Amino acid sequence: MTVDNNAAQKRQKLLHHIAVGCGFMGLILWFYIGRELGILDWAASLLPQEHAGAGLMLGIMLLMTPGFFIWSRYNRWVEHRLAIRGFYYETEYEEEQARLLAEKNAAKKSNQNN
């Protein structure tokens, strides 16, 4: 039974790696489409010639921000579909905030009862 489980885990990992690789290829494609649309040239032309590099950097940041957001959502979706379990800093932060809020509410109720 462990042999079947091990084979299933290997298959799941392979599917996850393939899906993440496809997502990364999509991210690269996002960059090239943005470049071909002239977004980077437009951003560089907004600043004087001596600061064109800074404009290009800003253009790359603006172009890639939605791409990275979509890529992160895609990765979460793939991990959900393949039941991949991992550690996320956001989850720990949200749990910590919920704990702090519960403590604050308990203290507030305690003060109201006194």
N, C-alpha and C. Protein backbone atom coordinates (compact mmCIF):
# COMPACT_ATOMS: atom_id res chain seq x y z
N MET A 1 0.82 -1.18 0.00
CA MET A 1 0.00 0.00 0.00
C MET A 1 0.87 1.26 0.00
N THR A 2 1.99 1.24 0.69
CA THR A 2 2.86 2.40 0.70
C THR A 2 3.50 2.62 -0.66
N VAL A 3 3.68 1.55 -1.45
CA VAL A 3 4.24 1.71 -2.79
C VAL A 3 3.26 2.50 -3.66
N ASP A 4 1.96 2.18 -3.57
CA ASP A 4 0.95 2.92 -4.32
C ASP A 4 0.89 4.38 -3.87
N ASN A 5 0.97 4.59 -2.56
CA ASN A 5 0.93 5.94 -2.01
C ASN A 5 2.16 6.73 -2.48
N ASN A 6 3.32 6.10 -2.47
CA ASN A 6 4.55 6.76 -2.91
C ASN A 6 4.46 7.11 -4.39
N ALA A 7 3.92 6.23 -5.21
CA ALA A 7 3.76 6.50 -6.64
C ALA A 7 2.78 7.66 -6.85
N ALA A 8 1.71 7.69 -6.06
CA ALA A 8 0.74 8.78 -6.18
C ALA A 8 1.37 10.11 -5.78
N GLN A 9 2.20 10.09 -4.74
CA GLN A 9 2.88 11.33 -4.32
C GLN A 9 3.84 11.81 -5.40
N LYS A 10 4.57 10.88 -6.00
CA LYS A 10 5.51 11.26 -7.07
C LYS A 10 4.74 11.85 -8.26
N ARG A 11 3.61 11.23 -8.61
CA ARG A 11 2.79 11.73 -9.71
C ARG A 11 2.27 13.13 -9.38
N GLN A 12 1.82 13.32 -8.14
CA GLN A 12 1.29 14.61 -7.72
C GLN A 12 2.38 15.67 -7.77
N LYS A 13 3.58 15.34 -7.31
CA LYS A 13 4.69 16.29 -7.36
C LYS A 13 5.04 16.63 -8.80
N LEU A 14 5.04 15.63 -9.67
CA LEU A 14 5.36 15.87 -11.08
C LEU A 14 4.31 16.80 -11.70
N LEU A 15 3.03 16.53 -11.43
CA LEU A 15 1.98 17.40 -11.94
C LEU A 15 2.12 18.82 -11.42
N HIS A 16 2.49 18.94 -10.15
CA HIS A 16 2.67 20.27 -9.55
C HIS A 16 3.83 20.99 -10.23
N HIS A 17 4.93 20.31 -10.44
CA HIS A 17 6.09 20.93 -11.10
C HIS A 17 5.75 21.36 -12.52
N ILE A 18 5.01 20.52 -13.24
CA ILE A 18 4.62 20.86 -14.60
C ILE A 18 3.70 22.08 -14.59
N ALA A 19 2.74 22.10 -13.67
CA ALA A 19 1.80 23.23 -13.59
C ALA A 19 2.52 24.52 -13.23
N VAL A 20 3.45 24.46 -12.30
CA VAL A 20 4.19 25.67 -11.92
C VAL A 20 5.07 26.13 -13.08
N GLY A 21 5.66 25.18 -13.79
CA GLY A 21 6.45 25.53 -14.97
C GLY A 21 5.60 26.20 -16.04
N CYS A 22 4.39 25.68 -16.25
CA CYS A 22 3.47 26.31 -17.22
C CYS A 22 3.09 27.71 -16.76
N GLY A 23 2.86 27.87 -15.47
CA GLY A 23 2.55 29.19 -14.93
C GLY A 23 3.70 30.17 -15.13
N PHE A 24 4.92 29.68 -14.92
CA PHE A 24 6.08 30.55 -15.11
C PHE A 24 6.25 30.91 -16.59
N MET A 25 5.96 29.96 -17.47
CA MET A 25 6.01 30.28 -18.90
C MET A 25 4.95 31.34 -19.23
N GLY A 26 3.80 31.25 -18.58
CA GLY A 26 2.77 32.27 -18.76
C GLY A 26 3.25 33.64 -18.29
N LEU A 27 4.01 33.66 -17.21
CA LEU A 27 4.56 34.91 -16.70
C LEU A 27 5.56 35.51 -17.69
N ILE A 28 6.38 34.67 -18.27
CA ILE A 28 7.33 35.13 -19.30
C ILE A 28 6.57 35.65 -20.52
N LEU A 29 5.53 34.93 -20.91
CA LEU A 29 4.71 35.35 -22.04
C LEU A 29 4.05 36.70 -21.74
N TRP A 30 3.59 36.89 -20.50
CA TRP A 30 2.99 38.16 -20.08
C TRP A 30 3.98 39.32 -20.32
N PHE A 31 5.25 39.10 -19.95
CA PHE A 31 6.27 40.13 -20.13
C PHE A 31 6.46 40.44 -21.61
N TYR A 32 6.60 39.39 -22.43
CA TYR A 32 6.85 39.63 -23.85
C TYR A 32 5.66 40.28 -24.54
N ILE A 33 4.45 39.94 -24.16
CA ILE A 33 3.27 40.60 -24.73
C ILE A 33 3.27 42.08 -24.35
N GLY A 34 3.56 42.38 -23.09
CA GLY A 34 3.63 43.77 -22.66
C GLY A 34 4.72 44.54 -23.38
N ARG A 35 5.85 43.87 -23.60
CA ARG A 35 6.94 44.52 -24.33
C ARG A 35 6.55 44.78 -25.77
N GLU A 36 5.90 43.81 -26.41
CA GLU A 36 5.50 43.98 -27.80
C GLU A 36 4.41 45.03 -27.95
N LEU A 37 3.59 45.22 -26.93
CA LEU A 37 2.56 46.26 -26.97
C LEU A 37 3.16 47.66 -26.80
N GLY A 38 4.42 47.73 -26.42
CA GLY A 38 5.10 49.02 -26.31
C GLY A 38 4.99 49.66 -24.95
N ILE A 39 4.58 48.91 -23.95
CA ILE A 39 4.43 49.47 -22.61
C ILE A 39 5.77 49.94 -22.06
N LEU A 40 6.82 49.18 -22.30
CA LEU A 40 8.14 49.56 -21.77
C LEU A 40 8.69 50.78 -22.48
N ASP A 41 8.49 50.86 -23.79
CA ASP A 41 8.93 52.04 -24.53
C ASP A 41 8.17 53.28 -24.08
N TRP A 42 6.87 53.11 -23.86
CA TRP A 42 6.05 54.22 -23.38
C TRP A 42 6.53 54.72 -22.02
N ALA A 43 6.82 53.78 -21.11
CA ALA A 43 7.26 54.18 -19.76
C ALA A 43 8.61 54.88 -19.82
N ALA A 44 9.51 54.40 -20.67
CA ALA A 44 10.83 55.03 -20.79
C ALA A 44 10.72 56.42 -21.42
N SER A 45 9.75 56.61 -22.30
CA SER A 45 9.61 57.91 -22.97
C SER A 45 8.98 58.98 -22.08
N LEU A 46 8.42 58.58 -20.94
CA LEU A 46 7.79 59.55 -20.04
C LEU A 46 8.82 60.41 -19.32
N LEU A 47 10.03 59.91 -19.18
CA LEU A 47 11.08 60.62 -18.46
C LEU A 47 12.12 61.18 -19.44
N PRO A 48 12.90 62.15 -18.99
CA PRO A 48 13.97 62.67 -19.86
C PRO A 48 14.95 61.55 -20.25
N GLN A 49 15.66 61.77 -21.33
CA GLN A 49 16.57 60.75 -21.88
C GLN A 49 17.58 60.25 -20.85
N GLU A 50 18.09 61.14 -20.01
CA GLU A 50 19.09 60.71 -19.03
C GLU A 50 18.50 59.84 -17.92
N HIS A 51 17.18 59.80 -17.82
CA HIS A 51 16.51 58.96 -16.81
C HIS A 51 15.66 57.87 -17.45
N ALA A 52 15.95 57.53 -18.68
CA ALA A 52 15.16 56.53 -19.40
C ALA A 52 15.25 55.16 -18.72
N GLY A 53 16.38 54.85 -18.12
CA GLY A 53 16.53 53.58 -17.42
C GLY A 53 15.59 53.47 -16.23
N ALA A 54 15.42 54.57 -15.51
CA ALA A 54 14.49 54.57 -14.39
C ALA A 54 13.05 54.41 -14.89
N GLY A 55 12.74 55.04 -16.01
CA GLY A 55 11.41 54.88 -16.60
C GLY A 55 11.17 53.45 -17.04
N LEU A 56 12.21 52.83 -17.59
CA LEU A 56 12.09 51.43 -18.01
C LEU A 56 11.85 50.53 -16.80
N MET A 57 12.57 50.79 -15.72
CA MET A 57 12.39 49.99 -14.51
C MET A 57 10.97 50.16 -13.95
N LEU A 58 10.48 51.38 -13.94
CA LEU A 58 9.10 51.61 -13.49
C LEU A 58 8.10 50.91 -14.41
N GLY A 59 8.38 50.95 -15.70
CA GLY A 59 7.51 50.27 -16.65
C GLY A 59 7.47 48.76 -16.41
N ILE A 60 8.63 48.17 -16.15
CA ILE A 60 8.68 46.74 -15.86
C ILE A 60 7.90 46.43 -14.60
N MET A 61 8.07 47.26 -13.57
CA MET A 61 7.34 47.02 -12.32
C MET A 61 5.84 47.12 -12.54
N LEU A 62 5.41 48.14 -13.26
CA LEU A 62 3.97 48.31 -13.51
C LEU A 62 3.42 47.19 -14.39
N LEU A 63 4.21 46.76 -15.36
CA LEU A 63 3.78 45.70 -16.25
C LEU A 63 3.67 44.36 -15.53
N MET A 64 4.65 44.07 -14.68
CA MET A 64 4.71 42.75 -14.07
C MET A 64 3.86 42.61 -12.81
N THR A 65 3.44 43.70 -12.20
CA THR A 65 2.64 43.59 -10.97
C THR A 65 1.37 42.76 -11.18
N PRO A 66 0.54 43.06 -12.17
CA PRO A 66 -0.64 42.20 -12.35
C PRO A 66 -0.27 40.78 -12.77
N GLY A 67 0.82 40.64 -13.53
CA GLY A 67 1.27 39.31 -13.94
C GLY A 67 1.64 38.45 -12.75
N PHE A 68 2.38 39.03 -11.80
CA PHE A 68 2.76 38.27 -10.61
C PHE A 68 1.55 37.96 -9.73
N PHE A 69 0.59 38.88 -9.68
CA PHE A 69 -0.63 38.62 -8.92
C PHE A 69 -1.40 37.44 -9.52
N ILE A 70 -1.56 37.45 -10.83
CA ILE A 70 -2.25 36.35 -11.50
C ILE A 70 -1.49 35.04 -11.30
N TRP A 71 -0.16 35.11 -11.38
CA TRP A 71 0.66 33.91 -11.20
C TRP A 71 0.51 33.36 -9.79
N SER A 72 0.46 34.23 -8.79
CA SER A 72 0.31 33.75 -7.41
C SER A 72 -1.05 33.10 -7.21
N ARG A 73 -2.11 33.70 -7.78
CA ARG A 73 -3.45 33.11 -7.68
C ARG A 73 -3.50 31.77 -8.41
N TYR A 74 -2.85 31.70 -9.56
CA TYR A 74 -2.79 30.44 -10.32
C TYR A 74 -2.08 29.36 -9.52
N ASN A 75 -0.97 29.71 -8.88
CA ASN A 75 -0.24 28.73 -8.06
C ASN A 75 -1.09 28.25 -6.90
N ARG A 76 -1.81 29.15 -6.25
CA ARG A 76 -2.69 28.73 -5.15
C ARG A 76 -3.79 27.80 -5.66
N TRP A 77 -4.33 28.11 -6.84
CA TRP A 77 -5.38 27.28 -7.42
C TRP A 77 -4.84 25.87 -7.72
N VAL A 78 -3.63 25.81 -8.30
CA VAL A 78 -3.01 24.51 -8.61
C VAL A 78 -2.78 23.73 -7.32
N GLU A 79 -2.27 24.39 -6.30
CA GLU A 79 -2.01 23.71 -5.03
C GLU A 79 -3.31 23.22 -4.40
N HIS A 80 -4.37 23.98 -4.56
CA HIS A 80 -5.67 23.55 -4.03
C HIS A 80 -6.18 22.33 -4.80
N ARG A 81 -6.10 22.37 -6.13
CA ARG A 81 -6.57 21.26 -6.96
C ARG A 81 -5.78 19.98 -6.71
N LEU A 82 -4.48 20.12 -6.49
CA LEU A 82 -3.64 18.93 -6.28
C LEU A 82 -3.49 18.58 -4.80
N ALA A 83 -4.16 19.33 -3.94
CA ALA A 83 -4.11 19.11 -2.48
C ALA A 83 -2.68 19.16 -1.97
N ILE A 84 -1.93 20.15 -2.45
CA ILE A 84 -0.57 20.37 -1.97
C ILE A 84 -0.66 21.16 -0.68
N ARG A 85 0.02 20.71 0.33
CA ARG A 85 0.02 21.40 1.62
C ARG A 85 1.37 22.09 1.78
N GLY A 86 1.31 23.32 2.23
CA GLY A 86 2.54 24.07 2.42
C GLY A 86 2.36 25.11 3.51
N PHE A 87 3.39 25.87 3.73
CA PHE A 87 3.40 26.92 4.74
C PHE A 87 3.32 28.27 4.03
N TYR A 88 2.36 29.07 4.43
CA TYR A 88 2.19 30.39 3.84
C TYR A 88 2.28 31.43 4.95
N TYR A 89 3.08 32.45 4.74
CA TYR A 89 3.23 33.50 5.73
C TYR A 89 1.91 34.24 5.95
N GLU A 90 1.10 34.37 4.88
CA GLU A 90 -0.17 35.07 5.03
C GLU A 90 -1.08 34.34 6.01
N THR A 91 -1.08 33.01 5.93
CA THR A 91 -1.93 32.22 6.81
C THR A 91 -1.52 32.41 8.26
N GLU A 92 -0.23 32.39 8.53
CA GLU A 92 0.26 32.59 9.89
C GLU A 92 -0.10 34.00 10.38
N TYR A 93 0.03 34.99 9.52
CA TYR A 93 -0.29 36.36 9.87
C TYR A 93 -1.78 36.50 10.19
N GLU A 94 -2.63 35.91 9.35
CA GLU A 94 -4.07 36.00 9.57
C GLU A 94 -4.47 35.29 10.87
N GLU A 95 -3.86 34.15 11.16
CA GLU A 95 -4.16 33.45 12.42
C GLU A 95 -3.72 34.29 13.62
N GLU A 96 -2.56 34.93 13.52
CA GLU A 96 -2.06 35.78 14.60
C GLU A 96 -2.99 36.97 14.82
N GLN A 97 -3.45 37.58 13.71
CA GLN A 97 -4.36 38.71 13.83
C GLN A 97 -5.69 38.29 14.45
N ALA A 98 -6.19 37.12 14.09
CA ALA A 98 -7.44 36.62 14.67
C ALA A 98 -7.27 36.35 16.17
N ARG A 99 -6.11 35.81 16.55
CA ARG A 99 -5.84 35.55 17.97
C ARG A 99 -5.78 36.86 18.75
N LEU A 100 -5.09 37.85 18.20
CA LEU A 100 -4.98 39.15 18.87
C LEU A 100 -6.35 39.82 19.00
N LEU A 101 -7.17 39.72 17.96
CA LEU A 101 -8.50 40.30 18.01
C LEU A 101 -9.36 39.60 19.06
N ALA A 102 -9.24 38.28 19.15
CA ALA A 102 -10.00 37.53 20.16
C ALA A 102 -9.56 37.94 21.57
N GLU A 103 -8.26 38.10 21.77
CA GLU A 103 -7.76 38.55 23.08
C GLU A 103 -8.26 39.95 23.40
N LYS A 104 -8.27 40.82 22.41
CA LYS A 104 -8.74 42.20 22.62
C LYS A 104 -10.22 42.20 22.98
N ASN A 105 -11.00 41.41 22.26
CA ASN A 105 -12.44 41.33 22.56
C ASN A 105 -12.69 40.74 23.94
N ALA A 106 -11.91 39.73 24.33
CA ALA A 106 -12.07 39.13 25.66
C ALA A 106 -11.73 40.14 26.75
N ALA A 107 -10.67 40.93 26.53
CA ALA A 107 -10.29 41.95 27.51
C ALA A 107 -11.37 43.04 27.61
N LYS A 108 -11.94 43.39 26.45
CA LYS A 108 -12.99 44.40 26.44
C LYS A 108 -14.22 43.91 27.20
N LYS A 109 -14.61 42.66 27.00
CA LYS A 109 -15.75 42.08 27.73
C LYS A 109 -15.46 42.00 29.22
N SER A 110 -14.22 41.66 29.56
CA SER A 110 -13.82 41.57 30.95
C SER A 110 -13.93 42.93 31.63
N ASN A 111 -13.51 43.99 30.92
CA ASN A 111 -13.59 45.35 31.47
C ASN A 111 -15.03 45.81 31.57
N GLN A 112 -15.89 45.39 30.67
CA GLN A 112 -17.30 45.80 30.73
C GLN A 112 -18.01 45.11 31.88
N ASN A 113 -17.61 43.88 32.20
CA ASN A 113 -18.24 43.14 33.30
C ASN A 113 -17.80 43.65 34.66
N ASN A 114 -16.68 44.32 34.76
CA ASN A 114 -16.17 44.80 36.03
C ASN A 114 -16.71 46.13 36.39
